[in-house]
Amino acid sequence: MTERKVQLLIEEMRANGNLPAISENVRDICNISRQSNSCAVDLAAIIMRDCGLTATILTTANSTLYSPRFPIKTVSYAVTFLGFEKVCSLALGLSLFKQTMESAHNQKLVHLYASSYFSGTFAMGLAREFKHKNPEEIFVAGLLYRLPWIALANTFPKRFQNMESLIHKGNLSYNEACLKVFDVEYTDICSGLVKVYNLPNNVSDVLLNRNGDDGMINSLVHQAGHIANMLFGDRLGGKDAISELNEAVRTLLHNENFSASDFIKDACKKDHNISRFFKLDKGDIDMMVNALEWGKGNPAQITSQSNFGQACDETVRSQEDPEQIIGHFLTELMLWHKRDIDVNQMLMLAQEAIFRCMSSPEVFTAFLNNEKSRLTGRFYAGNRADIKAEEFTIAVHDTDSPVIAALTAGRSGRWFIGEEALHLPGLKKHMNIKSALFSPITAANQIIGMYFVARTANDLFTEKEQAWLEQIADYVGKSFENMRKRHAPSEYMPEGKEQATESSAPPENPNL
């Protein structure tokens, strides 16, 4: 009976648009990270489909929380730098958070969303001070542990206000107040949402307020939540409250020097998403901390900025000038070739260069098999979740195809709809290609593969884009030549994704 009541509440949350859906991109990221044969190229390709997620991952990787030795400018390097688990956790947490912010009905709810994000940032900061092995998972737990609370507030504002009053004025527990108002306990709603999102165990433990295998996560998140609640007015600040908070955190971290005021400033400085998501600069944070120490009013309401949540993710890609960023990518490819960087890293960087510098492309990196009888896709970056790299496949004996003609001649080529057939039935089944650009990959005077770039829009590829693709293919071919010098000929040909795995070490490149 209880399960049915929870199901009805969740269905109403969804119907009102107040329960965020896991985007297809984030779902793909989570699936990829669980597959034993997945590789960093696949993960980077999914991230690049979402320009907002691209910007967030790059911003996060470059924050002082991760302290990279050199600026990280590409998704490819960010994935190898952060690792699969971190990227997956960040993508899930930030995607759900951003969607909930976009559904905010009033300023109070926006502050509640902001408090949730700050809870995540503070939880990760506390985890780092505690030297926890997985602070990113704690960030996600901190970010999402009030997701049920937010969903109730957004969907049932009057009933939620009644529940909140029972907690603060009637001294009832969350479970008791929720049972009176919604006829189910708060942990029942949390359990329902845990199942909906298939959340990691440690994150689920925090939502359900239980100590799992790592009971420290629960403690860190709840202390982080207390700090965020004080900063956004859900708990009163002031000298006594801060002193009590400091004592609790000092005991938790075994750190007698912990200062909540200094910690808030430092954590916000390290997280560049604070300014991106909430338009809060250092002066705003300092003002909020001063108001917190003063203990009167809501610190969040005294800031000069109030445009919380109006992040500009959707304009990120449109602001990129292809002619400027192609120069960056070509420079990096040249430097990586000179430094003899691992070929897997070169493949990732080349794929990202093509995808980010050409408008709405579908990018396939294909290689010949050992018999040189078939050209088959190994990696794909594009706008479609239902397309696999292997769907690009063509027999070399199809010589009337312009793709094979270019491959045989060792030259690049262009195609647009209405010309001779491409002989790509796998792609034709799923994609209405209007134009295409292709360039062979040549190493040591041997053709080993090809880049095939397609568009489903009516825009034709330009000579300039063709020149870019030729240069990219040239650098990749030279990288394979370097690999050939290091390995026996039998190891030269790339036979599958297993050769481009996460095990490749990130390149030591001072220009990244």
Foldseek 3Di string as FASTA:
>chain_A
DQLVLLVVLVVLLVVLQQFDDQDPLLVVLVVLLPDPLHFLLQNLLSQVLFLLSQVQLQLLCQFVLNPDVARDDGSSLSCLSQDSVLSSLCSRQVRRLLSNCVLDDDLLLLLVSVLQQQLLLQLLLLCVLLVPPCSSNLSSLSNCLCSLVSSCCSRPVVLSVQLVCCVPPVVDDQQVSCCVRSVGGQLSNLVVVCVSSVRDPLSSCLNNVHQDPHNLSNVSSVLSSVLSCLLQVVDWAEDVNQVVSLVSSCVSSVNNPDGSLVSQLVSCNRRPVCCQQAVADSVLSNQSSVCRHHGDDRSNVPGPGSPGGPGPSVCSLVPDALVVVLVVLLVVLVVCLVVLAALLSLVSSLQRNLCSNDPQKWKFWWWADPVSFKIATFGIRGNDPPDDRRLFMDTLVPCVAVQNVCLVVQAKDKDAPPDDDNRRVSCVVPAQFGMKIKGFQAAPNRTTTMMIMTDRDNDGDDPVSNVSRHSSSPSSNSSLNSVCVVDPPVPSHDDHSSVRHSPRRNDPDNSD
